[in-house]
C-alpha atoms as a PDB file:
ATOM      1  CA  MET A   1      29.353   9.606 150.686  1.00  0.00           C
ATOM      2  CA  PRO A   2      29.806   7.352 153.722  1.00  0.00           C
ATOM      3  CA  PRO A   3      28.896   3.728 153.213  1.00  0.00           C
ATOM      4  CA  ALA A   4      25.955   3.627 155.310  1.00  0.00           C
ATOM      5  CA  VAL A   5      24.419   6.589 153.622  1.00  0.00           C
ATOM      6  CA  ARG A   6      25.708   5.288 150.256  1.00  0.00           C
ATOM      7  CA  ALA A   7      23.847   1.898 150.963  1.00  0.00           C
ATOM      8  CA  ALA A   8      20.628   3.770 151.603  1.00  0.00           C
ATOM      9  CA  PHE A   9      20.850   6.011 148.934  1.00  0.00           C
ATOM     10  CA  GLU A  10      21.054   3.048 146.472  1.00  0.00           C
ATOM     11  CA  ALA A  11      18.512   1.071 148.215  1.00  0.00           C
ATOM     12  CA  GLU A  12      16.238   4.386 147.486  1.00  0.00           C
ATOM     13  CA  LEU A  13      17.237   4.286 143.809  1.00  0.00           C
ATOM     14  CA  ARG A  14      16.553   0.690 143.535  1.00  0.00           C
ATOM     15  CA  GLN A  15      13.188   0.911 145.075  1.00  0.00           C
ATOM     16  CA  ALA A  16      12.356   3.896 142.533  1.00  0.00           C
ATOM     17  CA  ARG A  17      13.389   1.494 139.722  1.00  0.00           C
ATOM     18  CA  THR A  18      11.549  -1.649 140.886  1.00  0.00           C
ATOM     19  CA  ALA A  19       8.280   0.231 142.108  1.00  0.00           C
ATOM     20  CA  THR A  20       5.058  -0.519 140.188  1.00  0.00           C
ATOM     21  CA  ASP A  21       3.230   2.777 140.699  1.00  0.00           C
ATOM     22  CA  LEU A  22       4.350   6.470 140.054  1.00  0.00           C
ATOM     23  CA  ASP A  23       3.859   7.627 143.574  1.00  0.00           C
ATOM     24  CA  ALA A  24       6.086   4.964 144.771  1.00  0.00           C
ATOM     25  CA  MET A  25       8.925   5.750 142.384  1.00  0.00           C
ATOM     26  CA  TRP A  26       8.726   9.519 143.427  1.00  0.00           C
ATOM     27  CA  THR A  27       8.672   8.780 147.094  1.00  0.00           C
ATOM     28  CA  ALA A  28      11.735   6.673 146.544  1.00  0.00           C
ATOM     29  CA  LEU A  29      13.537   9.198 144.663  1.00  0.00           C
ATOM     30  CA  GLU A  30      12.783  12.007 147.198  1.00  0.00           C
ATOM     31  CA  ARG A  31      14.119   9.696 149.945  1.00  0.00           C
ATOM     32  CA  ALA A  32      17.233   9.141 147.812  1.00  0.00           C
ATOM     33  CA  HIS A  33      17.375  12.901 147.269  1.00  0.00           C
ATOM     34  CA  ILE A  34      17.179  13.795 150.908  1.00  0.00           C
ATOM     35  CA  LEU A  35      20.111  11.378 151.704  1.00  0.00           C
ATOM     36  CA  SER A  36      22.225  12.742 148.919  1.00  0.00           C
ATOM     37  CA  GLN A  37      22.245  16.481 149.271  1.00  0.00           C
ATOM     38  CA  SER A  38      25.482  16.880 151.087  1.00  0.00           C
ATOM     39  CA  TRP A  39      27.423  15.103 148.276  1.00  0.00           C
ATOM     40  CA  ALA A  40      27.619  16.648 144.818  1.00  0.00           C
ATOM     41  CA  TRP A  41      27.644  13.417 142.421  1.00  0.00           C
ATOM     42  CA  PRO A  42      24.712  11.549 144.341  1.00  0.00           C
ATOM     43  CA  HIS A  43      22.939  14.751 144.581  1.00  0.00           C
ATOM     44  CA  THR A  44      23.028  15.220 140.850  1.00  0.00           C
ATOM     45  CA  ARG A  45      22.250  11.493 140.128  1.00  0.00           C
ATOM     46  CA  ALA A  46      19.119  11.796 142.386  1.00  0.00           C
ATOM     47  CA  HIS A  47      18.122  14.768 139.847  1.00  0.00           C
ATOM     48  CA  TRP A  48      18.961  12.931 136.914  1.00  0.00           C
ATOM     49  CA  HIS A  49      16.451  10.106 137.974  1.00  0.00           C
ATOM     50  CA  MET A  50      13.584  12.713 138.868  1.00  0.00           C
ATOM     51  CA  PHE A  51      14.434  14.487 135.325  1.00  0.00           C
ATOM     52  CA  VAL A  52      13.913  10.748 133.835  1.00  0.00           C
ATOM     53  CA  LEU A  53      10.606   9.860 135.514  1.00  0.00           C
ATOM     54  CA  ALA A  54       9.486  13.667 134.931  1.00  0.00           C
ATOM     55  CA  LEU A  55      10.001  12.846 131.215  1.00  0.00           C
ATOM     56  CA  LYS A  56       8.402   9.414 131.389  1.00  0.00           C
ATOM     57  CA  CYS A  57       5.235  10.892 133.158  1.00  0.00           C
ATOM     58  CA  ARG A  58       5.406  13.753 130.449  1.00  0.00           C
ATOM     59  CA  ASP A  59       5.414  16.195 133.333  1.00  0.00           C
ATOM     60  CA  GLN A  60       6.945  19.242 131.506  1.00  0.00           C
ATOM     61  CA  LYS A  61       6.748  21.600 134.512  1.00  0.00           C
ATOM     62  CA  GLU A  62       8.758  18.792 136.562  1.00  0.00           C
ATOM     63  CA  ALA A  63      11.186  17.955 133.857  1.00  0.00           C
ATOM     64  CA  TRP A  64      11.865  21.782 133.416  1.00  0.00           C
ATOM     65  CA  GLY A  65      12.409  21.974 137.180  1.00  0.00           C
ATOM     66  CA  GLN A  66      14.855  19.173 137.283  1.00  0.00           C
ATOM     67  CA  VAL A  67      16.917  20.838 134.363  1.00  0.00           C
ATOM     68  CA  ILE A  68      17.419  23.807 136.729  1.00  0.00           C
ATOM     69  CA  ARG A  69      18.122  21.511 139.514  1.00  0.00           C
ATOM     70  CA  LEU A  70      20.786  19.365 137.735  1.00  0.00           C
ATOM     71  CA  LEU A  71      22.769  22.701 137.119  1.00  0.00           C
ATOM     72  CA  VAL A  72      22.624  24.248 140.434  1.00  0.00           C
ATOM     73  CA  GLY A  73      22.156  21.033 142.772  1.00  0.00           C
ATOM     74  CA  ALA A  74      26.126  19.966 142.298  1.00  0.00           C
ATOM     75  CA  PRO A  75      27.453  23.448 143.347  1.00  0.00           C
ATOM     76  CA  GLY A  76      25.047  23.842 145.985  1.00  0.00           C
ATOM     77  CA  SER A  77      26.249  20.555 147.721  1.00  0.00           C
ATOM     78  CA  LEU A  78      29.858  21.449 147.337  1.00  0.00           C
ATOM     79  CA  MET A  79      29.217  24.901 148.935  1.00  0.00           C
ATOM     80  CA  GLY A  80      27.473  23.441 151.738  1.00  0.00           C
ATOM     81  CA  ARG A  81      23.985  25.109 150.723  1.00  0.00           C
ATOM     82  CA  ALA A  82      21.602  22.197 150.110  1.00  0.00           C
ATOM     83  CA  PRO A  83      18.659  22.885 152.441  1.00  0.00           C
ATOM     84  CA  GLU A  84      17.930  19.930 154.834  1.00  0.00           C
ATOM     85  CA  GLY A  85      15.099  17.498 154.077  1.00  0.00           C
ATOM     86  CA  ASN A  86      14.481  19.301 150.751  1.00  0.00           C
ATOM     87  CA  ILE A  87      12.671  16.456 148.468  1.00  0.00           C
ATOM     88  CA  GLY A  88      13.853  17.936 145.217  1.00  0.00           C
ATOM     89  CA  ARG A  89      10.820  18.294 143.542  1.00  0.00           C
ATOM     90  CA  THR A  90       9.825  21.135 141.472  1.00  0.00           C
ATOM     91  CA  SER A  91       6.833  21.604 143.718  1.00  0.00           C
ATOM     92  CA  VAL A  92       9.094  22.583 146.558  1.00  0.00           C
ATOM     93  CA  GLY A  93      11.098  25.639 146.415  1.00  0.00           C
ATOM     94  CA  LEU A  94      14.822  25.099 145.947  1.00  0.00           C
ATOM     95  CA  ARG A  95      15.984  26.503 149.217  1.00  0.00           C
ATOM     96  CA  THR A  96      13.019  25.180 151.255  1.00  0.00           C
ATOM     97  CA  VAL A  97      13.983  23.403 154.277  1.00  0.00           C
ATOM     98  CA  MET A  98      11.936  20.127 155.150  1.00  0.00           C
ATOM     99  CA  PRO A  99      11.668  17.998 158.113  1.00  0.00           C
ATOM    100  CA  VAL A 100      13.868  14.769 157.621  1.00  0.00           C
ATOM    101  CA  PRO A 101      11.886  11.253 157.879  1.00  0.00           C
ATOM    102  CA  GLU A 102      13.135  10.021 161.122  1.00  0.00           C
ATOM    103  CA  ASP A 103      14.619   6.684 159.559  1.00  0.00           C
ATOM    104  CA  LEU A 104      16.706   8.892 157.175  1.00  0.00           C
ATOM    105  CA  ALA A 105      17.531  11.111 160.005  1.00  0.00           C
ATOM    106  CA  ALA A 106      19.198   8.453 161.916  1.00  0.00           C
ATOM    107  CA  ILE A 107      21.092   7.245 159.119  1.00  0.00           C
ATOM    108  CA  LEU A 108      22.540  10.483 158.606  1.00  0.00           C
ATOM    109  CA  ALA A 109      23.137  11.141 162.180  1.00  0.00           C
ATOM    110  CA  GLU A 110      25.097   7.990 162.787  1.00  0.00           C
ATOM    111  CA  ASP A 111      27.225   9.110 159.828  1.00  0.00           C
ATOM    112  CA  LYS A 112      27.717  12.422 161.741  1.00  0.00           C
ATOM    113  CA  LYS A 113      28.852  10.280 164.711  1.00  0.00           C
ATOM    114  CA  VAL A 114      31.185   7.891 162.894  1.00  0.00           C
ATOM    115  CA  THR A 115      32.717  11.310 161.229  1.00  0.00           C
ATOM    116  CA  VAL A 116      33.335  12.827 164.563  1.00  0.00           C
ATOM    117  CA  SER A 117      34.515  10.029 166.629  1.00  0.00           C
ATOM    118  CA  SER A 118      37.027   9.318 163.592  1.00  0.00           C
ATOM    119  CA  ALA A 119      38.277  13.030 163.504  1.00  0.00           C
ATOM    120  CA  ARG A 120      38.814  12.694 167.416  1.00  0.00           C
ATOM    121  CA  SER A 121      40.655   9.809 167.050  1.00  0.00           C
ATOM    122  CA  ARG A 122      43.469  11.116 164.664  1.00  0.00           C
END
């Protein structure tokens, strides 16, 4: 995971830990999930945090959905099959493509520009 994406991902996880209401916690974890989808370990971490929050909320449906996502998320990332913009919640299908928030799209796009220009300079 490139440094700029990692910084944004970690910031969203911190936001989820420090938020005082459940909606803000879930929103931060959804954003972390969007940022992490291309990388197996961060993607797994996002789902782990979602699983823990689902348990805290005593939401059995969400918790079981996160167990499934913990099993399939990393392989999906490794195979390049993670659906862009998917927020990672049980209420959304595993393969559902969703719009990426503009600020996250800018972070992910900047990373792609850096990666492409680095490859060209070799």
